């Protein structure tokens, strides 16, 4: 399995500025790699870490896929000891047709 990227994130700004590109690659890979899809769906942060993307402890990554929707990745910041999560951003694949 090819690595997505080699990067260790330190700050929320790093996550906000650099992680969307990496997660875009992950979403594309989910479509073509069933093994990666299963790993990412069960534990996104661990799947990223096994591919060289290390996130801070306070960053939560959720993979959401309902039957009628395209896969979506939501990234949150969560302070230690808190149940409250602040959404930083989300990515979702969108189909477009052109002529």
Protein backbone atom coordinates (compact mmCIF):
# COMPACT_ATOMS: atom_id res chain seq x y z
CA UNK A 1 0.00 0.00 0.00
CA UNK A 2 1.56 3.32 -1.05
CA UNK A 3 1.89 6.02 1.59
CA UNK A 4 -0.34 9.05 1.32
CA UNK A 5 2.18 11.50 2.72
CA UNK A 6 4.87 11.74 5.37
CA UNK A 7 3.92 14.52 7.74
CA UNK A 8 3.65 15.05 11.46
CA UNK A 9 1.22 17.83 12.27
CA UNK A 10 1.92 20.07 15.25
CA UNK A 11 -0.76 22.78 15.27
CA UNK A 12 -4.39 23.37 14.38
CA UNK A 13 -3.22 25.74 11.62
CA UNK A 14 -1.10 22.96 10.09
CA UNK A 15 -4.18 20.73 10.14
CA UNK A 16 -6.38 23.40 8.59
CA UNK A 17 -3.87 24.32 5.87
CA UNK A 18 -2.30 21.00 4.89
CA UNK A 19 -4.62 18.14 5.87
CA UNK A 20 -7.40 18.82 3.30
CA UNK A 21 -5.07 17.87 0.42
CA UNK A 22 -4.03 14.66 2.15
CA UNK A 23 -7.61 13.71 3.01
CA UNK A 24 -8.63 14.42 -0.59
CA UNK A 25 -6.12 11.76 -1.66
CA UNK A 26 -7.47 9.44 1.05
CA UNK A 27 -11.06 9.89 -0.21
CA UNK A 28 -9.95 9.11 -3.76
CA UNK A 29 -8.10 6.03 -2.55
CA UNK A 30 -11.19 4.84 -0.66
CA UNK A 31 -12.95 4.48 -4.04
CA UNK A 32 -10.30 2.18 -5.52
CA UNK A 33 -8.71 0.36 -2.58
CA UNK A 34 -11.15 -1.81 -0.56
CA UNK A 35 -8.50 -2.67 2.04
CA UNK A 36 -7.75 1.01 2.69
CA UNK A 37 -11.50 1.79 2.67
CA UNK A 38 -12.11 -0.75 5.44
CA UNK A 39 -9.14 0.46 7.51
CA UNK A 40 -10.13 4.11 7.12
CA UNK A 41 -13.80 3.44 7.88
CA UNK A 42 -12.99 1.61 11.13
CA UNK A 43 -10.28 4.01 12.41
CA UNK A 44 -9.40 7.00 10.19
CA UNK A 45 -6.66 8.35 12.44
CA UNK A 46 -4.90 4.97 12.65
CA UNK A 47 -5.19 4.47 8.87
CA UNK A 48 -3.60 7.89 8.33
CA UNK A 49 -0.84 7.15 10.87
CA UNK A 50 -0.01 3.86 9.14
CA UNK A 51 0.51 5.91 5.98
CA UNK A 52 2.83 8.49 7.55
CA UNK A 53 0.27 11.14 8.58
CA UNK A 54 0.58 11.81 12.31
CA UNK A 55 -2.05 14.08 13.85
CA UNK A 56 -2.06 15.83 17.24
CA UNK A 57 -3.94 14.11 20.09
CA UNK A 58 -6.65 16.81 20.12
CA UNK A 59 -7.60 16.22 16.47
CA UNK A 60 -10.47 13.81 15.77
CA UNK A 61 -11.16 12.45 12.27
CA UNK A 62 -14.53 10.87 11.49
CA UNK A 63 -15.46 8.94 8.36
CA UNK A 64 -19.17 9.28 7.60
CA UNK A 65 -20.99 7.34 4.91
CA UNK A 66 -24.72 6.95 4.81
CA UNK A 67 -26.34 4.72 2.23
CA UNK A 68 -27.55 7.57 0.04
CA UNK A 69 -24.55 9.90 0.43
CA UNK A 70 -21.01 10.02 -0.79
CA UNK A 71 -18.26 9.37 1.77
CA UNK A 72 -17.40 12.36 3.92
CA UNK A 73 -14.48 13.04 6.24
CA UNK A 74 -14.99 15.49 9.11
CA UNK A 75 -12.09 16.86 11.15
CA UNK A 76 -12.70 18.16 14.66
CA UNK A 77 -10.65 19.65 17.46
CA UNK A 78 -11.48 18.26 20.91
CA UNK A 79 -9.93 19.53 24.12
CA UNK A 80 -8.72 16.84 26.56
CA UNK A 81 -11.44 15.80 29.01
CA UNK A 82 -14.19 17.47 26.98
CA UNK A 83 -16.99 15.84 25.02
CA UNK A 84 -17.44 18.98 22.91
CA UNK A 85 -15.89 18.86 19.42
CA UNK A 86 -15.30 21.94 17.27
CA UNK A 87 -15.47 21.21 13.54
CA UNK A 88 -12.41 22.47 11.68
CA UNK A 89 -13.47 21.35 8.18
CA UNK A 90 -15.00 18.51 6.19
CA UNK A 91 -14.42 16.99 2.77
CA UNK A 92 -16.92 15.18 0.59
CA UNK A 93 -16.60 13.80 -2.92
CA UNK A 94 -18.94 15.44 -5.41
CA UNK A 95 -19.75 14.08 -8.85
CA UNK A 96 -19.73 16.58 -11.70
CA UNK A 97 -20.60 16.05 -15.33
CA UNK A 98 -19.20 18.10 -18.14
CA UNK A 99 -19.52 18.40 -21.90
